[in-house]
């Protein structure tokens, strides 16, 4: 395992974890909305998909670390929107 792959994993994991924590804090403390655990942990699902689908390549042009991190952030925002609208 090289340093670049560790850095890439930490980036996606950090965005997913930050999204999950931020989602929970925003919904529970700021909006006073109680949501189920699966919705709070939705950004972590993106990280696990990233972790288990990247097994050494070859990767497509859209299969980049940046896109996985953006997907985790978008899932967190979509989960927040869903919780606030439902």
PDB file of N, CA and C in Angstrom:
ATOM      1  N   UNK A   1       0.858  -1.170   0.000  1.00  0.00           N
ATOM      2  CA  UNK A   1       0.000   0.000   0.000  1.00  0.00           C
ATOM      3  C   UNK A   1       0.905   1.233   0.000  1.00  0.00           C
ATOM      4  N   UNK A   2       0.689   2.105  -0.961  1.00  0.00           N
ATOM      5  CA  UNK A   2       1.526   3.289  -1.048  1.00  0.00           C
ATOM      6  C   UNK A   2       0.848   4.488  -0.382  1.00  0.00           C
ATOM      7  N   UNK A   3       1.608   5.539  -0.229  1.00  0.00           N
ATOM      8  CA  UNK A   3       1.135   6.729   0.472  1.00  0.00           C
ATOM      9  C   UNK A   3       0.013   7.431  -0.282  1.00  0.00           C
ATOM     10  N   UNK A   4       0.043   7.394  -1.601  1.00  0.00           N
ATOM     11  CA  UNK A   4      -1.015   8.035  -2.385  1.00  0.00           C
ATOM     12  C   UNK A   4      -2.360   7.355  -2.179  1.00  0.00           C
ATOM     13  N   UNK A   5      -2.390   6.041  -2.138  1.00  0.00           N
ATOM     14  CA  UNK A   5      -3.661   5.347  -1.944  1.00  0.00           C
ATOM     15  C   UNK A   5      -4.205   5.576  -0.537  1.00  0.00           C
ATOM     16  N   UNK A   6      -3.323   5.686   0.438  1.00  0.00           N
ATOM     17  CA  UNK A   6      -3.769   5.992   1.799  1.00  0.00           C
ATOM     18  C   UNK A   6      -4.368   7.392   1.837  1.00  0.00           C
ATOM     19  N   UNK A   7      -3.712   8.336   1.194  1.00  0.00           N
ATOM     20  CA  UNK A   7      -4.211   9.710   1.151  1.00  0.00           C
ATOM     21  C   UNK A   7      -5.570   9.767   0.458  1.00  0.00           C
ATOM     22  N   UNK A   8      -5.729   9.023  -0.622  1.00  0.00           N
ATOM     23  CA  UNK A   8      -7.005   8.999  -1.333  1.00  0.00           C
ATOM     24  C   UNK A   8      -8.109   8.388  -0.476  1.00  0.00           C
ATOM     25  N   UNK A   9      -7.793   7.277   0.196  1.00  0.00           N
ATOM     26  CA  UNK A   9      -8.779   6.654   1.081  1.00  0.00           C
ATOM     27  C   UNK A   9      -9.180   7.597   2.209  1.00  0.00           C
ATOM     28  N   UNK A  10      -8.211   8.295   2.780  1.00  0.00           N
ATOM     29  CA  UNK A  10      -8.512   9.216   3.868  1.00  0.00           C
ATOM     30  C   UNK A  10      -9.358  10.397   3.402  1.00  0.00           C
ATOM     31  N   UNK A  11      -9.163  10.832   2.175  1.00  0.00           N
ATOM     32  CA  UNK A  11      -9.977  11.926   1.656  1.00  0.00           C
ATOM     33  C   UNK A  11     -11.437  11.518   1.549  1.00  0.00           C
ATOM     34  N   UNK A  12     -11.688  10.384   0.937  1.00  0.00           N
ATOM     35  CA  UNK A  12     -13.073   9.923   0.782  1.00  0.00           C
ATOM     36  C   UNK A  12     -13.680   9.592   2.149  1.00  0.00           C
ATOM     37  N   UNK A  13     -12.910   8.943   3.011  1.00  0.00           N
ATOM     38  CA  UNK A  13     -13.411   8.608   4.351  1.00  0.00           C
ATOM     39  C   UNK A  13     -13.700   9.869   5.155  1.00  0.00           C
ATOM     40  N   UNK A  14     -12.840  10.870   5.047  1.00  0.00           N
ATOM     41  CA  UNK A  14     -13.045  12.113   5.783  1.00  0.00           C
ATOM     42  C   UNK A  14     -14.274  12.872   5.327  1.00  0.00           C
ATOM     43  N   UNK A  15     -14.482  12.928   4.013  1.00  0.00           N
ATOM     44  CA  UNK A  15     -15.672  13.612   3.503  1.00  0.00           C
ATOM     45  C   UNK A  15     -16.936  12.854   3.914  1.00  0.00           C
ATOM     46  N   UNK A  16     -16.906  11.540   3.829  1.00  0.00           N
ATOM     47  CA  UNK A  16     -18.072  10.737   4.210  1.00  0.00           C
ATOM     48  C   UNK A  16     -18.356  10.859   5.708  1.00  0.00           C
ATOM     49  N   UNK A  17     -17.315  10.768   6.528  1.00  0.00           N
ATOM     50  CA  UNK A  17     -17.513  10.890   7.978  1.00  0.00           C
ATOM     51  C   UNK A  17     -17.962  12.298   8.351  1.00  0.00           C
ATOM     52  N   UNK A  18     -17.350  13.297   7.730  1.00  0.00           N
ATOM     53  CA  UNK A  18     -17.769  14.674   7.996  1.00  0.00           C
ATOM     54  C   UNK A  18     -19.202  14.921   7.571  1.00  0.00           C
ATOM     55  N   UNK A  19     -19.591  14.324   6.450  1.00  0.00           N
ATOM     56  CA  UNK A  19     -20.977  14.449   6.010  1.00  0.00           C
ATOM     57  C   UNK A  19     -21.947  13.787   6.971  1.00  0.00           C
ATOM     58  N   UNK A  20     -21.582  12.616   7.476  1.00  0.00           N
ATOM     59  CA  UNK A  20     -22.456  11.906   8.413  1.00  0.00           C
ATOM     60  C   UNK A  20     -22.573  12.664   9.734  1.00  0.00           C
ATOM     61  N   UNK A  21     -21.458  13.149  10.244  1.00  0.00           N
ATOM     62  CA  UNK A  21     -21.484  13.902  11.512  1.00  0.00           C
ATOM     63  C   UNK A  21     -22.207  15.233  11.329  1.00  0.00           C
ATOM     64  N   UNK A  22     -21.885  15.932  10.241  1.00  0.00           N
ATOM     65  CA  UNK A  22     -22.552  17.206   9.980  1.00  0.00           C
ATOM     66  C   UNK A  22     -24.046  17.038   9.771  1.00  0.00           C
ATOM     67  N   UNK A  23     -24.436  15.987   9.081  1.00  0.00           N
ATOM     68  CA  UNK A  23     -25.844  15.699   8.861  1.00  0.00           C
ATOM     69  C   UNK A  23     -26.555  15.450  10.190  1.00  0.00           C
ATOM     70  N   UNK A  24     -25.955  14.649  11.033  1.00  0.00           N
ATOM     71  CA  UNK A  24     -26.555  14.340  12.324  1.00  0.00           C
ATOM     72  C   UNK A  24     -26.665  15.587  13.193  1.00  0.00           C
ATOM     73  N   UNK A  25     -25.588  16.361  13.266  1.00  0.00           N
ATOM     74  CA  UNK A  25     -25.624  17.581  14.087  1.00  0.00           C
ATOM     75  C   UNK A  25     -26.634  18.585  13.560  1.00  0.00           C
ATOM     76  N   UNK A  26     -26.665  18.763  12.260  1.00  0.00           N
ATOM     77  CA  UNK A  26     -27.585  19.738  11.678  1.00  0.00           C
ATOM     78  C   UNK A  26     -29.040  19.334  11.886  1.00  0.00           C
ATOM     79  N   UNK A  27     -29.331  18.059  11.691  1.00  0.00           N
ATOM     80  CA  UNK A  27     -30.716  17.628  11.814  1.00  0.00           C
ATOM     81  C   UNK A  27     -31.173  17.528  13.260  1.00  0.00           C
ATOM     82  N   UNK A  28     -30.350  16.940  14.108  1.00  0.00           N
ATOM     83  CA  UNK A  28     -30.759  16.714  15.496  1.00  0.00           C
ATOM     84  C   UNK A  28     -30.714  17.992  16.339  1.00  0.00           C
ATOM     85  N   UNK A  29     -29.654  18.779  16.191  1.00  0.00           N
ATOM     86  CA  UNK A  29     -29.482  19.942  17.062  1.00  0.00           C
ATOM     87  C   UNK A  29     -30.072  21.223  16.484  1.00  0.00           C
ATOM     88  N   UNK A  30     -29.839  21.472  15.220  1.00  0.00           N
ATOM     89  CA  UNK A  30     -30.290  22.736  14.643  1.00  0.00           C
ATOM     90  C   UNK A  30     -31.743  22.692  14.179  1.00  0.00           C
ATOM     91  N   UNK A  31     -32.103  21.643  13.470  1.00  0.00           N
ATOM     92  CA  UNK A  31     -33.458  21.568  12.918  1.00  0.00           C
ATOM     93  C   UNK A  31     -34.423  20.823  13.824  1.00  0.00           C
ATOM     94  N   UNK A  32     -33.931  20.171  14.857  1.00  0.00           N
ATOM     95  CA  UNK A  32     -34.745  19.383  15.789  1.00  0.00           C
ATOM     96  C   UNK A  32     -35.609  18.362  15.044  1.00  0.00           C
ATOM     97  N   UNK A  33     -34.958  17.653  14.117  1.00  0.00           N
ATOM     98  CA  UNK A  33     -35.623  16.618  13.337  1.00  0.00           C
ATOM     99  C   UNK A  33     -34.984  15.284  13.689  1.00  0.00           C
ATOM    100  N   UNK A  34     -35.790  14.339  14.120  1.00  0.00           N
ATOM    101  CA  UNK A  34     -35.278  13.007  14.446  1.00  0.00           C
ATOM    102  C   UNK A  34     -35.382  12.129  13.200  1.00  0.00           C
ATOM    103  N   UNK A  35     -34.265  11.528  12.821  1.00  0.00           N
ATOM    104  CA  UNK A  35     -34.231  10.688  11.629  1.00  0.00           C
ATOM    105  C   UNK A  35     -33.674   9.319  11.994  1.00  0.00           C
ATOM    106  N   UNK A  36     -33.992   8.307  11.208  1.00  0.00           N
ATOM    107  CA  UNK A  36     -33.458   6.971  11.480  1.00  0.00           C
ATOM    108  C   UNK A  36     -31.953   6.904  11.210  1.00  0.00           C
ATOM    109  N   UNK A  37     -31.326   5.904  11.795  1.00  0.00           N
ATOM    110  CA  UNK A  37     -29.880   5.753  11.673  1.00  0.00           C
ATOM    111  C   UNK A  37     -29.428   5.562  10.235  1.00  0.00           C
ATOM    112  N   UNK A  38     -30.200   4.822   9.446  1.00  0.00           N
ATOM    113  CA  UNK A  38     -29.778   4.557   8.067  1.00  0.00           C
ATOM    114  C   UNK A  38     -29.656   5.846   7.268  1.00  0.00           C
ATOM    115  N   UNK A  39     -30.476   6.840   7.591  1.00  0.00           N
ATOM    116  CA  UNK A  39     -30.388   8.109   6.876  1.00  0.00           C
ATOM    117  C   UNK A  39     -29.176   8.916   7.336  1.00  0.00           C
ATOM    118  N   UNK A  40     -28.882   8.856   8.631  1.00  0.00           N
ATOM    119  CA  UNK A  40     -27.706   9.546   9.148  1.00  0.00           C
ATOM    120  C   UNK A  40     -26.414   8.932   8.616  1.00  0.00           C
ATOM    121  N   UNK A  41     -26.419   7.636   8.378  1.00  0.00           N
ATOM    122  CA  UNK A  41     -25.220   6.931   7.932  1.00  0.00           C
ATOM    123  C   UNK A  41     -25.130   6.813   6.411  1.00  0.00           C
ATOM    124  N   UNK A  42     -26.013   7.452   5.679  1.00  0.00           N
ATOM    125  CA  UNK A  42     -26.022   7.339   4.213  1.00  0.00           C
ATOM    126  C   UNK A  42     -24.692   7.746   3.571  1.00  0.00           C
ATOM    127  N   UNK A  43     -24.031   8.832   4.009  1.00  0.00           N
ATOM    128  CA  UNK A  43     -22.740   9.165   3.391  1.00  0.00           C
ATOM    129  C   UNK A  43     -21.674   8.090   3.598  1.00  0.00           C
ATOM    130  N   UNK A  44     -21.773   7.351   4.687  1.00  0.00           N
ATOM    131  CA  UNK A  44     -20.812   6.274   4.924  1.00  0.00           C
ATOM    132  C   UNK A  44     -20.995   5.137   3.928  1.00  0.00           C
ATOM    133  N   UNK A  45     -22.194   4.979   3.411  1.00  0.00           N
ATOM    134  CA  UNK A  45     -22.436   3.976   2.389  1.00  0.00           C
ATOM    135  C   UNK A  45     -21.645   4.261   1.120  1.00  0.00           C
ATOM    136  N   UNK A  46     -21.464   5.538   0.812  1.00  0.00           N
ATOM    137  CA  UNK A  46     -20.659   5.904  -0.352  1.00  0.00           C
ATOM    138  C   UNK A  46     -19.209   5.488  -0.122  1.00  0.00           C
ATOM    139  N   UNK A  47     -18.706   5.698   1.080  1.00  0.00           N
ATOM    140  CA  UNK A  47     -17.328   5.302   1.366  1.00  0.00           C
ATOM    141  C   UNK A  47     -17.158   3.793   1.246  1.00  0.00           C
ATOM    142  N   UNK A  48     -18.110   3.031   1.761  1.00  0.00           N
ATOM    143  CA  UNK A  48     -17.997   1.578   1.665  1.00  0.00           C
ATOM    144  C   UNK A  48     -18.102   1.115   0.213  1.00  0.00           C
ATOM    145  N   UNK A  49     -18.934   1.776  -0.575  1.00  0.00           N
ATOM    146  CA  UNK A  49     -18.992   1.451  -2.004  1.00  0.00           C
ATOM    147  C   UNK A  49     -17.653   1.759  -2.668  1.00  0.00           C
ATOM    148  N   UNK A  50     -17.049   2.882  -2.321  1.00  0.00           N
ATOM    149  CA  UNK A  50     -15.725   3.239  -2.845  1.00  0.00           C
ATOM    150  C   UNK A  50     -14.699   2.191  -2.437  1.00  0.00           C
ATOM    151  N   UNK A  51     -14.729   1.812  -1.187  1.00  0.00           N
ATOM    152  CA  UNK A  51     -13.746   0.887  -0.643  1.00  0.00           C
ATOM    153  C   UNK A  51     -13.830  -0.492  -1.295  1.00  0.00           C
ATOM    154  N   UNK A  52     -15.040  -0.994  -1.512  1.00  0.00           N
ATOM    155  CA  UNK A  52     -15.202  -2.354  -1.995  1.00  0.00           C
ATOM    156  C   UNK A  52     -15.279  -2.474  -3.517  1.00  0.00           C
ATOM    157  N   UNK A  53     -15.392  -1.367  -4.241  1.00  0.00           N
ATOM    158  CA  UNK A  53     -15.448  -1.453  -5.696  1.00  0.00           C
ATOM    159  C   UNK A  53     -14.120  -1.119  -6.357  1.00  0.00           C
ATOM    160  N   UNK A  54     -13.196  -0.560  -5.637  1.00  0.00           N
ATOM    161  CA  UNK A  54     -11.902  -0.196  -6.231  1.00  0.00           C
ATOM    162  C   UNK A  54     -10.879  -1.271  -5.874  1.00  0.00           C
ATOM    163  N   UNK A  55     -10.755  -2.234  -6.743  1.00  0.00           N
ATOM    164  CA  UNK A  55      -9.880  -3.385  -6.479  1.00  0.00           C
ATOM    165  C   UNK A  55      -8.679  -3.440  -7.408  1.00  0.00           C
ATOM    166  N   UNK A  56      -8.136  -2.320  -7.825  1.00  0.00           N
ATOM    167  CA  UNK A  56      -6.916  -2.334  -8.601  1.00  0.00           C
ATOM    168  C   UNK A  56      -7.031  -1.908 -10.041  1.00  0.00           C
ATOM    169  N   UNK A  57      -8.202  -1.499 -10.464  1.00  0.00           N
ATOM    170  CA  UNK A  57      -8.346  -0.938 -11.802  1.00  0.00           C
ATOM    171  C   UNK A  57      -8.643  -1.983 -12.847  1.00  0.00           C
ATOM    172  N   UNK A  58      -8.736  -1.638 -14.065  1.00  0.00           N
ATOM    173  CA  UNK A  58      -8.610  -0.276 -14.589  1.00  0.00           C
ATOM    174  C   UNK A  58      -9.860   0.537 -14.265  1.00  0.00           C
ATOM    175  N   UNK A  59      -9.657   1.797 -14.022  1.00  0.00           N
ATOM    176  CA  UNK A  59     -10.739   2.687 -13.628  1.00  0.00           C
ATOM    177  C   UNK A  59     -11.167   3.527 -14.812  1.00  0.00           C
ATOM    178  N   UNK A  60     -12.445   3.858 -14.852  1.00  0.00           N
ATOM    179  CA  UNK A  60     -12.977   4.694 -15.918  1.00  0.00           C
ATOM    180  C   UNK A  60     -12.633   6.159 -15.673  1.00  0.00           C
ATOM    181  N   UNK A  61     -12.967   6.999 -16.622  1.00  0.00           N
ATOM    182  CA  UNK A  61     -12.620   8.422 -16.492  1.00  0.00           C
ATOM    183  C   UNK A  61     -13.373   9.127 -15.364  1.00  0.00           C
ATOM    184  N   UNK A  62     -14.501   8.582 -14.941  1.00  0.00           N
ATOM    185  CA  UNK A  62     -15.271   9.212 -13.863  1.00  0.00           C
ATOM    186  C   UNK A  62     -15.000   8.588 -12.504  1.00  0.00           C
ATOM    187  N   UNK A  63     -14.240   7.531 -12.471  1.00  0.00           N
ATOM    188  CA  UNK A  63     -13.941   6.830 -11.224  1.00  0.00           C
ATOM    189  C   UNK A  63     -12.695   7.436 -10.585  1.00  0.00           C
ATOM    190  N   UNK A  64     -12.867   8.645 -10.068  1.00  0.00           N
ATOM    191  CA  UNK A  64     -11.758   9.348  -9.429  1.00  0.00           C
ATOM    192  C   UNK A  64     -12.084   9.585  -7.963  1.00  0.00           C
ATOM    193  N   UNK A  65     -11.060   9.844  -7.205  1.00  0.00           N
ATOM    194  CA  UNK A  65     -11.241  10.103  -5.772  1.00  0.00           C
ATOM    195  C   UNK A  65     -12.081  11.363  -5.568  1.00  0.00           C
ATOM    196  N   UNK A  66     -11.827  12.379  -6.382  1.00  0.00           N
ATOM    197  CA  UNK A  66     -12.599  13.620  -6.265  1.00  0.00           C
ATOM    198  C   UNK A  66     -14.083  13.367  -6.479  1.00  0.00           C
ATOM    199  N   UNK A  67     -14.429  12.557  -7.467  1.00  0.00           N
ATOM    200  CA  UNK A  67     -15.835  12.269  -7.735  1.00  0.00           C
ATOM    201  C   UNK A  67     -16.478  11.466  -6.614  1.00  0.00           C
ATOM    202  N   UNK A  68     -15.737  10.540  -6.018  1.00  0.00           N
ATOM    203  CA  UNK A  68     -16.274   9.784  -4.885  1.00  0.00           C
ATOM    204  C   UNK A  68     -16.513  10.708  -3.692  1.00  0.00           C
ATOM    205  N   UNK A  69     -15.590  11.632  -3.450  1.00  0.00           N
ATOM    206  CA  UNK A  69     -15.762  12.579  -2.341  1.00  0.00           C
ATOM    207  C   UNK A  69     -16.955  13.496  -2.602  1.00  0.00           C
ATOM    208  N   UNK A  70     -17.101  13.963  -3.830  1.00  0.00           N
ATOM    209  CA  UNK A  70     -18.259  14.790  -4.175  1.00  0.00           C
ATOM    210  C   UNK A  70     -19.562  14.012  -4.032  1.00  0.00           C
ATOM    211  N   UNK A  71     -19.543  12.743  -4.402  1.00  0.00           N
ATOM    212  CA  UNK A  71     -20.737  11.911  -4.253  1.00  0.00           C
ATOM    213  C   UNK A  71     -21.118  11.767  -2.780  1.00  0.00           C
ATOM    214  N   UNK A  72     -20.137  11.582  -1.912  1.00  0.00           N
ATOM    215  CA  UNK A  72     -20.426  11.474  -0.479  1.00  0.00           C
ATOM    216  C   UNK A  72     -21.046  12.769   0.044  1.00  0.00           C
ATOM    217  N   UNK A  73     -20.521  13.910  -0.391  1.00  0.00           N
ATOM    218  CA  UNK A  73     -21.083  15.193   0.033  1.00  0.00           C
ATOM    219  C   UNK A  73     -22.497  15.383  -0.513  1.00  0.00           C
ATOM    220  N   UNK A  74     -22.723  14.991  -1.753  1.00  0.00           N
ATOM    221  CA  UNK A  74     -24.061  15.136  -2.339  1.00  0.00           C
ATOM    222  C   UNK A  74     -25.073  14.211  -1.669  1.00  0.00           C
ATOM    223  N   UNK A  75     -24.638  13.025  -1.278  1.00  0.00           N
ATOM    224  CA  UNK A  75     -25.540  12.111  -0.570  1.00  0.00           C
ATOM    225  C   UNK A  75     -25.917  12.694   0.787  1.00  0.00           C
ATOM    226  N   UNK A  76     -24.972  13.332   1.465  1.00  0.00           N
ATOM    227  CA  UNK A  76     -25.276  13.972   2.749  1.00  0.00           C
ATOM    228  C   UNK A  76     -26.291  15.100   2.561  1.00  0.00           C
ATOM    229  N   UNK A  77     -26.099  15.905   1.532  1.00  0.00           N
ATOM    230  CA  UNK A  77     -27.051  16.987   1.263  1.00  0.00           C
ATOM    231  C   UNK A  77     -28.420  16.450   0.857  1.00  0.00           C
ATOM    232  N   UNK A  78     -28.441  15.400   0.065  1.00  0.00           N
ATOM    233  CA  UNK A  78     -29.719  14.800  -0.344  1.00  0.00           C
ATOM    234  C   UNK A  78     -30.437  14.180   0.856  1.00  0.00           C
ATOM    235  N   UNK A  79     -29.690  13.562   1.751  1.00  0.00           N
ATOM    236  CA  UNK A  79     -30.291  12.978   2.956  1.00  0.00           C
ATOM    237  C   UNK A  79     -30.880  14.077   3.844  1.00  0.00           C
ATOM    238  N   UNK A  80     -30.175  15.207   3.938  1.00  0.00           N
ATOM    239  CA  UNK A  80     -30.700  16.335   4.727  1.00  0.00           C
ATOM    240  C   UNK A  80     -31.974  16.889   4.102  1.00  0.00           C
ATOM    241  N   UNK A  81     -31.963  17.039   2.794  1.00  0.00           N
ATOM    242  CA  UNK A  81     -33.163  17.535   2.113  1.00  0.00           C
ATOM    243  C   UNK A  81     -34.335  16.572   2.298  1.00  0.00           C
ATOM    244  N   UNK A  82     -34.059  15.296   2.171  1.00  0.00           N
ATOM    245  CA  UNK A  82     -35.116  14.289   2.363  1.00  0.00           C
ATOM    246  C   UNK A  82     -35.677  14.358   3.778  1.00  0.00           C
ATOM    247  N   UNK A  83     -34.799  14.456   4.772  1.00  0.00           N
ATOM    248  CA  UNK A  83     -35.254  14.490   6.163  1.00  0.00           C
ATOM    249  C   UNK A  83     -36.069  15.740   6.461  1.00  0.00           C
ATOM    250  N   UNK A  84     -35.689  16.837   5.860  1.00  0.00           N
ATOM    251  CA  UNK A  84     -36.405  18.085   6.125  1.00  0.00           C
ATOM    252  C   UNK A  84     -37.730  18.165   5.380  1.00  0.00           C
ATOM    253  N   UNK A  85     -37.835  17.477   4.245  1.00  0.00           N
ATOM    254  CA  UNK A  85     -39.075  17.546   3.467  1.00  0.00           C
ATOM    255  C   UNK A  85     -40.100  16.476   3.864  1.00  0.00           C
ATOM    256  N   UNK A  86     -39.634  15.402   4.454  1.00  0.00           N
ATOM    257  CA  UNK A  86     -40.562  14.311   4.802  1.00  0.00           C
ATOM    258  C   UNK A  86     -40.995  14.377   6.228  1.00  0.00           C
TER     259      UNK A  86
END
